[in-house]
């Protein structure tokens, strides 16, 4: 009888343990689903704020998730940090701090998901930004890595016009590189990276084909590149488009101003 009672108690305990275990699994499942929905909701809010040009609000929303393991959240935080750094109201010290924060977020996004094209894109952008604080030698030294990440982003998403534009900017920068920077490049690389304005033009047109009229700066650089190639007719066409582009951001306003100055100089 004692043995029977002991067995009954054991079965009862086992049943109780099983129910607790099943309940734990169920709650854990709900928690995972809830966490998943939460990430999706944050991304949805973030994309709305980004589209609305609410830079400060976007940063405040995403910085709460800086310890996330989600690559989609992390690259968006890198972008938001960089956008905040670009504002004229941001102090020089804050710009520096935000640039390094952005790079760390982009790096973490890449570590979490190497196949995320946006993580590659923003890592390349943020690595370039940090070079502005570390000097021309570092900036040139990082150039090949930056281009590799842009190219990888385009491999993963061939229709992303912004990344194609960035490769164009990379080519333009090396095409117009002054002699003293070329000497620095020669000390850093056995074969220094080089490019031409013709190559830059190819990428700017390629970006425009992927997404026509997507970015004021692409229109501006098409005009600037045609000027470098002494094609004033085409330069006038693209600079006029850049000048007339609706100014939604501070960058758009700067583009309009530069385009107008170049048009007046032709």
Protein backbone atom coordinates (compact mmCIF):
# COMPACT_ATOMS: atom_id res chain seq x y z
CA UNK A 1 0.00 0.00 0.00
CA UNK A 2 2.87 2.36 0.86
CA UNK A 3 4.51 1.44 -2.44
CA UNK A 4 1.23 2.00 -4.33
CA UNK A 5 0.77 5.44 -2.71
CA UNK A 6 4.37 6.33 -3.53
CA UNK A 7 3.85 5.35 -7.16
CA UNK A 8 0.60 7.33 -7.35
CA UNK A 9 2.35 10.38 -5.89
CA UNK A 10 5.20 9.94 -8.39
CA UNK A 11 2.76 9.76 -11.30
CA UNK A 12 0.95 12.85 -9.99
CA UNK A 13 4.23 14.72 -9.69
CA UNK A 14 5.29 13.59 -13.17
CA UNK A 15 1.96 14.70 -14.60
CA UNK A 16 2.29 18.03 -12.78
CA UNK A 17 5.83 18.49 -14.07
CA UNK A 18 4.69 17.64 -17.59
CA UNK A 19 1.88 20.21 -17.42
CA UNK A 20 4.30 22.86 -16.10
CA UNK A 21 6.72 22.00 -18.92
CA UNK A 22 3.97 22.19 -21.56
CA UNK A 23 2.73 25.50 -20.11
CA UNK A 24 6.30 26.85 -20.19
CA UNK A 25 6.64 25.81 -23.84
CA UNK A 26 3.33 27.47 -24.69
CA UNK A 27 4.25 30.72 -22.89
CA UNK A 28 7.70 30.70 -24.49
CA UNK A 29 6.08 30.27 -27.88
CA UNK A 30 3.78 33.20 -27.27
CA UNK A 31 6.73 35.26 -26.05
CA UNK A 32 8.66 34.47 -29.24
CA UNK A 33 5.67 35.37 -31.41
CA UNK A 34 5.15 38.58 -29.39
CA UNK A 35 8.84 39.47 -29.74
CA UNK A 36 8.60 38.85 -33.48
CA UNK A 37 5.55 41.08 -33.78
CA UNK A 38 7.29 43.71 -31.69
CA UNK A 39 10.28 43.81 -34.07
CA UNK A 40 7.94 44.10 -37.05
CA UNK A 41 6.01 46.91 -35.35
CA UNK A 42 9.21 48.83 -34.54
CA UNK A 43 10.42 48.44 -38.14
CA UNK A 44 7.04 49.64 -39.43
CA UNK A 45 7.17 52.70 -37.15
CA UNK A 46 10.80 53.34 -38.11
CA UNK A 47 10.07 53.22 -41.84
CA UNK A 48 7.13 55.60 -41.40
CA UNK A 49 9.29 58.08 -39.45
CA UNK A 50 12.10 57.77 -42.01
CA UNK A 51 9.69 58.45 -44.85
CA UNK A 52 8.35 61.46 -42.95
CA UNK A 53 11.83 62.91 -42.38
CA UNK A 54 11.45 62.69 -38.58
CA UNK A 55 15.17 62.15 -37.94
CA UNK A 56 15.28 62.84 -34.19
CA UNK A 57 12.14 60.79 -33.42
CA UNK A 58 13.44 57.93 -35.54
CA UNK A 59 16.75 57.88 -33.69
CA UNK A 60 15.00 57.97 -30.28
CA UNK A 61 12.80 55.05 -31.32
CA UNK A 62 15.62 52.86 -32.61
CA UNK A 63 18.34 53.62 -30.05
CA UNK A 64 16.19 51.77 -27.49
CA UNK A 65 16.96 48.63 -29.52
CA UNK A 66 20.73 49.07 -29.87
CA UNK A 67 21.29 45.71 -28.11
CA UNK A 68 18.98 43.88 -30.50
CA UNK A 69 20.14 40.83 -32.45
CA UNK A 70 17.95 41.75 -35.42
CA UNK A 71 19.97 42.92 -38.44
CA UNK A 72 16.97 44.83 -39.84
CA UNK A 73 16.73 46.94 -36.69
CA UNK A 74 20.48 47.41 -36.42
CA UNK A 75 21.11 48.72 -39.93
CA UNK A 76 18.18 51.08 -39.53
CA UNK A 77 19.74 52.38 -36.31
CA UNK A 78 23.05 52.85 -38.16
CA UNK A 79 21.22 54.88 -40.82
CA UNK A 80 19.31 56.90 -38.20
CA UNK A 81 22.52 57.67 -36.28
CA UNK A 82 24.19 58.84 -39.46
CA UNK A 83 21.20 60.95 -40.52
CA UNK A 84 21.18 62.63 -37.11
CA UNK A 85 24.91 63.33 -37.46
CA UNK A 86 24.26 65.01 -40.83
CA UNK A 87 21.87 67.60 -39.39
CA UNK A 88 23.24 71.14 -39.19
CA UNK A 89 21.86 71.42 -35.63
CA UNK A 90 24.09 68.53 -34.44
CA UNK A 91 27.30 69.66 -32.72
CA UNK A 92 30.74 68.63 -33.98
CA UNK A 93 31.32 66.35 -30.98
CA UNK A 94 27.91 64.71 -31.40
CA UNK A 95 28.61 64.18 -35.11
CA UNK A 96 31.78 62.30 -34.25
CA UNK A 97 30.10 60.18 -31.56
CA UNK A 98 27.16 59.34 -33.83
CA UNK A 99 29.48 58.38 -36.71
CA UNK A 100 31.23 55.78 -34.54
CA UNK A 101 27.92 54.56 -33.09
CA UNK A 102 26.55 54.13 -36.61
CA UNK A 103 29.60 52.10 -37.66
CA UNK A 104 29.25 49.80 -34.65
CA UNK A 105 25.56 49.19 -35.40
CA UNK A 106 26.26 48.45 -39.07
CA UNK A 107 29.09 46.10 -38.09
CA UNK A 108 26.81 44.26 -35.65
CA UNK A 109 24.09 44.02 -38.32
CA UNK A 110 26.62 42.35 -40.65
CA UNK A 111 27.69 39.93 -37.93
CA UNK A 112 24.04 38.96 -37.38
CA UNK A 113 23.24 38.54 -41.07
CA UNK A 114 25.97 38.61 -43.72
CA UNK A 115 23.33 38.20 -46.44
CA UNK A 116 21.58 41.46 -45.58
CA UNK A 117 22.30 43.87 -48.45
CA UNK A 118 21.44 46.97 -46.39
CA UNK A 119 23.91 45.97 -43.67
CA UNK A 120 26.69 45.89 -46.30
CA UNK A 121 25.57 49.22 -47.74
CA UNK A 122 25.46 51.03 -44.40
CA UNK A 123 28.70 49.46 -43.20
CA UNK A 124 30.41 50.89 -46.29
CA UNK A 125 28.81 54.32 -45.77
CA UNK A 126 29.63 54.45 -42.05
CA UNK A 127 33.21 53.25 -42.58
CA UNK A 128 33.67 56.11 -45.04
CA UNK A 129 32.21 58.60 -42.53
CA UNK A 130 34.60 57.52 -39.79
CA UNK A 131 37.47 58.13 -42.21
CA UNK A 132 36.51 61.83 -42.16
CA UNK A 133 37.53 61.89 -38.49
CA UNK A 134 40.64 59.74 -38.81
CA UNK A 135 42.34 61.49 -41.71
CA UNK A 136 42.93 61.01 -45.40
CA UNK A 137 45.33 58.09 -44.95
CA UNK A 138 42.70 56.02 -43.11
CA UNK A 139 40.00 57.06 -45.57
CA UNK A 140 42.04 55.96 -48.57
CA UNK A 141 43.17 52.83 -46.72
CA UNK A 142 39.53 51.82 -46.20
CA UNK A 143 38.56 52.58 -49.81
CA UNK A 144 38.84 49.04 -51.19
CA UNK A 145 36.89 47.55 -48.25
CA UNK A 146 34.17 50.19 -48.70
CA UNK A 147 33.80 49.41 -52.41
CA UNK A 148 33.73 45.65 -51.72
CA UNK A 149 30.79 46.11 -49.32
CA UNK A 150 28.93 48.27 -51.85
CA UNK A 151 29.50 45.66 -54.55
CA UNK A 152 28.33 42.89 -52.24
CA UNK A 153 25.18 44.91 -51.47
CA UNK A 154 24.46 45.23 -55.21
CA UNK A 155 25.04 41.48 -55.68
CA UNK A 156 22.45 40.82 -52.97
CA UNK A 157 20.04 43.45 -54.30
CA UNK A 158 20.78 44.51 -57.91
CA UNK A 159 17.83 46.94 -57.92
CA UNK A 160 19.04 49.09 -55.04
CA UNK A 161 19.70 52.37 -56.83
CA UNK A 162 21.29 54.04 -53.80
CA UNK A 163 24.12 51.53 -53.56
CA UNK A 164 24.78 51.74 -57.30
CA UNK A 165 24.94 55.54 -56.87
CA UNK A 166 27.46 55.10 -54.04
CA UNK A 167 29.75 53.06 -56.28
CA UNK A 168 29.48 55.96 -58.73
CA UNK A 169 30.50 58.39 -55.98
CA UNK A 170 33.44 56.11 -55.13
CA UNK A 171 34.56 56.15 -58.79
CA UNK A 172 34.09 59.93 -59.07
CA UNK A 173 36.16 60.52 -55.91
CA UNK A 174 39.07 58.46 -57.20
CA UNK A 175 38.82 59.99 -60.68
CA UNK A 176 39.23 63.52 -59.29
CA UNK A 177 41.70 62.58 -56.54
CA UNK A 178 44.47 65.24 -56.25
CA UNK A 179 48.10 64.22 -56.78
CA UNK A 180 49.08 64.32 -53.10
CA UNK A 181 46.30 61.86 -52.22
CA UNK A 182 47.43 59.62 -55.07
CA UNK A 183 50.90 59.58 -53.49
CA UNK A 184 49.34 58.48 -50.17
CA UNK A 185 47.41 55.75 -52.00
CA UNK A 186 50.64 54.57 -53.65
CA UNK A 187 52.23 54.06 -50.21
CA UNK A 188 49.23 52.06 -48.94
CA UNK A 189 48.64 49.73 -51.87
CA UNK A 190 50.88 47.79 -54.23
CA UNK A 191 48.29 48.67 -56.88
CA UNK A 192 46.41 51.80 -55.74
CA UNK A 193 42.67 51.96 -56.50
CA UNK A 194 41.86 54.11 -59.52
CA UNK A 195 38.80 55.06 -61.55
CA UNK A 196 37.60 57.39 -64.32
CA UNK A 197 34.77 59.88 -64.78
CA UNK A 198 33.45 57.63 -67.55
CA UNK A 199 33.15 54.75 -65.06
CA UNK A 200 31.43 57.03 -62.53
CA UNK A 201 28.98 58.16 -65.24
CA UNK A 202 28.16 54.52 -66.02
CA UNK A 203 27.12 53.88 -62.40
CA UNK A 204 25.11 57.12 -62.07
CA UNK A 205 23.14 56.22 -65.21
CA UNK A 206 22.78 52.64 -63.98
CA UNK A 207 21.31 53.97 -60.71
CA UNK A 208 18.89 56.19 -62.63
CA UNK A 209 17.78 53.21 -64.74
CA UNK A 210 17.17 51.15 -61.59
CA UNK A 211 14.97 53.87 -60.05
CA UNK A 212 14.41 57.03 -62.15
CA UNK A 213 14.56 60.36 -60.29
CA UNK A 214 15.11 58.56 -56.97
CA UNK A 215 17.71 60.92 -55.48
CA UNK A 216 18.60 64.56 -56.01
CA UNK A 217 22.31 63.86 -55.51
CA UNK A 218 22.40 61.34 -58.35
CA UNK A 219 21.00 64.01 -60.70
CA UNK A 220 23.61 66.48 -59.42
CA UNK A 221 26.49 64.05 -59.96
CA UNK A 222 25.31 63.19 -63.46
CA UNK A 223 25.58 66.92 -64.20
CA UNK A 224 28.95 67.26 -62.45
CA UNK A 225 30.38 64.23 -64.26
CA UNK A 226 29.26 65.50 -67.65
CA UNK A 227 30.98 68.79 -66.80
CA UNK A 228 34.20 66.88 -66.05
CA UNK A 229 33.83 65.19 -69.45
CA UNK A 230 33.29 68.62 -71.11
CA UNK A 231 29.76 67.77 -72.26
CA UNK A 232 27.99 71.03 -71.37
CA UNK A 233 24.73 70.14 -73.11
CA UNK A 234 24.20 67.02 -70.97
CA UNK A 235 25.54 68.80 -67.87
CA UNK A 236 22.87 71.52 -68.29
CA UNK A 237 20.16 68.88 -68.62
CA UNK A 238 21.02 67.01 -65.41
CA UNK A 239 21.92 70.07 -63.33
CA UNK A 240 18.56 71.62 -64.25
CA UNK A 241 16.83 68.44 -63.05
CA UNK A 242 18.81 68.60 -59.78
CA UNK A 243 17.86 72.27 -59.28
CA UNK A 244 14.16 71.53 -59.83
CA UNK A 245 14.10 68.44 -57.60
CA UNK A 246 11.62 68.92 -54.69
CA UNK A 247 13.58 69.68 -51.50
CA UNK A 248 12.37 67.27 -48.82
CA UNK A 249 15.59 67.19 -46.80
CA UNK A 250 18.52 69.43 -45.90
CA UNK A 251 20.61 67.50 -48.40
CA UNK A 252 18.09 68.24 -51.17
CA UNK A 253 18.39 71.95 -50.38
CA UNK A 254 22.19 71.76 -50.55
CA UNK A 255 21.92 69.92 -53.88
CA UNK A 256 19.63 72.64 -55.27
CA UNK A 257 22.09 75.32 -54.17
CA UNK A 258 25.12 73.57 -55.71
CA UNK A 259 23.24 72.81 -58.93
CA UNK A 260 22.24 76.48 -59.26
CA UNK A 261 25.83 77.65 -58.67
CA UNK A 262 27.13 75.25 -61.34
CA UNK A 263 24.44 76.29 -63.80
CA UNK A 264 25.38 79.94 -63.27
CA UNK A 265 29.04 79.11 -63.88
CA UNK A 266 28.47 77.42 -67.25
